[in-house]
Protein backbone atom coordinates (compact mmCIF):
# COMPACT_ATOMS: atom_id res chain seq x y z
CA MET A 1 52.09 -41.92 4.65
CA GLN A 2 54.45 -44.57 3.44
CA ARG A 3 53.60 -47.46 1.10
CA VAL A 4 55.38 -50.78 1.95
CA GLN A 5 55.63 -54.17 0.27
CA ALA A 6 56.83 -57.03 2.46
CA TYR A 7 57.49 -60.49 1.28
CA PHE A 8 56.92 -63.68 3.31
CA ARG A 9 57.75 -67.39 2.78
CA ASN A 10 54.08 -68.40 3.22
CA GLU A 11 50.58 -67.21 3.80
CA ASN A 12 50.63 -68.02 7.60
CA GLU A 13 53.55 -65.60 8.12
CA ALA A 14 51.93 -62.97 5.94
CA GLU A 15 48.58 -63.22 7.68
CA ASP A 16 50.28 -63.09 11.16
CA ALA A 17 52.11 -59.96 10.09
CA LYS A 18 48.93 -58.39 8.81
CA ALA A 19 47.14 -58.90 12.09
CA SER A 20 50.04 -57.28 13.98
CA LEU A 21 50.32 -54.38 11.48
CA GLN A 22 46.61 -53.58 12.00
CA THR A 23 47.53 -52.52 15.63
CA LEU A 24 49.59 -49.70 14.04
CA ASN A 25 46.54 -48.45 12.21
CA ALA A 26 48.12 -49.39 8.95
CA ARG A 27 45.83 -48.69 5.97
CA ASP A 28 44.97 -50.77 2.86
CA VAL A 29 46.55 -53.91 4.17
CA MET A 30 46.48 -56.65 1.60
CA VAL A 31 47.79 -60.10 1.44
CA GLU A 32 48.34 -61.76 -1.95
CA ARG A 33 50.16 -64.76 -3.24
CA VAL A 34 53.31 -63.94 -5.28
CA PRO A 35 52.44 -64.72 -8.99
CA GLU A 36 54.14 -67.73 -10.57
CA SER A 37 55.80 -65.33 -13.04
CA ASN A 38 57.67 -63.71 -10.23
CA ARG A 39 58.85 -66.90 -8.45
CA ASN A 40 62.22 -67.19 -10.27
CA LEU A 41 63.58 -64.24 -8.45
CA TRP A 42 62.03 -65.48 -5.19
CA ASP A 43 63.72 -68.90 -5.69
CA LEU A 44 67.09 -67.25 -6.20
CA ILE A 45 66.80 -65.20 -3.10
CA ARG A 46 65.61 -68.14 -1.05
CA ASP A 47 68.36 -70.37 -2.22
CA THR A 48 71.03 -67.68 -1.66
CA PHE A 49 70.06 -67.08 1.93
CA SER A 50 68.95 -70.54 3.07
CA GLY A 51 72.05 -72.47 2.21
CA SER A 52 69.82 -75.40 1.34
CA ASN A 53 68.47 -76.75 -1.88
CA SER A 54 65.69 -78.69 -0.11
CA PHE A 55 62.13 -77.97 -1.24
CA ASP A 56 59.46 -77.48 1.39
CA GLU A 57 56.04 -76.52 0.11
CA ASP A 58 55.07 -75.10 3.52
CA HIS A 59 57.93 -72.57 3.29
CA HIS A 60 57.60 -72.05 -0.56
CA ASN A 61 54.38 -70.40 -0.98
CA PRO A 62 55.52 -66.76 -1.10
CA HIS A 63 53.02 -64.04 -0.26
CA VAL A 64 53.28 -60.25 -0.31
CA VAL A 65 51.70 -57.89 2.21
CA GLU A 66 51.09 -54.30 0.90
CA PHE A 67 50.17 -51.53 3.25
CA GLN A 68 50.40 -47.89 4.02
CA VAL A 69 51.66 -46.74 7.41
CA GLU A 70 52.37 -43.20 8.99
CA GLU A 71 56.02 -42.22 9.15
CA GLU A 72 56.00 -42.58 12.89
CA GLY A 73 54.80 -46.16 12.67
CA TYR A 74 57.35 -47.23 10.03
CA SER A 75 60.03 -48.51 12.38
CA LYS A 76 57.49 -50.60 14.29
CA ALA A 77 56.16 -51.96 10.99
CA LYS A 78 59.66 -53.05 9.96
CA GLU A 79 60.03 -54.79 13.32
CA ILE A 80 56.74 -56.63 12.89
CA ILE A 81 57.73 -57.77 9.43
CA ARG A 82 61.21 -59.04 10.60
CA GLU A 83 59.53 -60.89 13.62
CA ASN A 84 57.35 -62.68 11.08
CA ASN A 85 60.26 -63.63 8.79
CA GLY A 86 59.39 -61.03 6.21
CA HIS A 87 61.52 -58.81 3.97
CA ILE A 88 60.77 -55.39 2.75
CA GLN A 89 61.46 -54.77 -0.96
């Protein structure tokens, strides 16, 4: 069993990923908003990869999805996360 943390730009992307991950029989799937105290790092990552300094609240409401998945389902879990614009830490 592997524990995974995946970060998403907003709650919708995180919830979509959660729904898809449940088809893999992922365990303990939780969606939480990234605390304000951790946002500085998120802002740096976003600005580095976006190439834009524009602020869009719909895309700047970071959420984390935490879950456990069997080893054989890990590759599919990574694919689901990428398809929903997520990043594994």
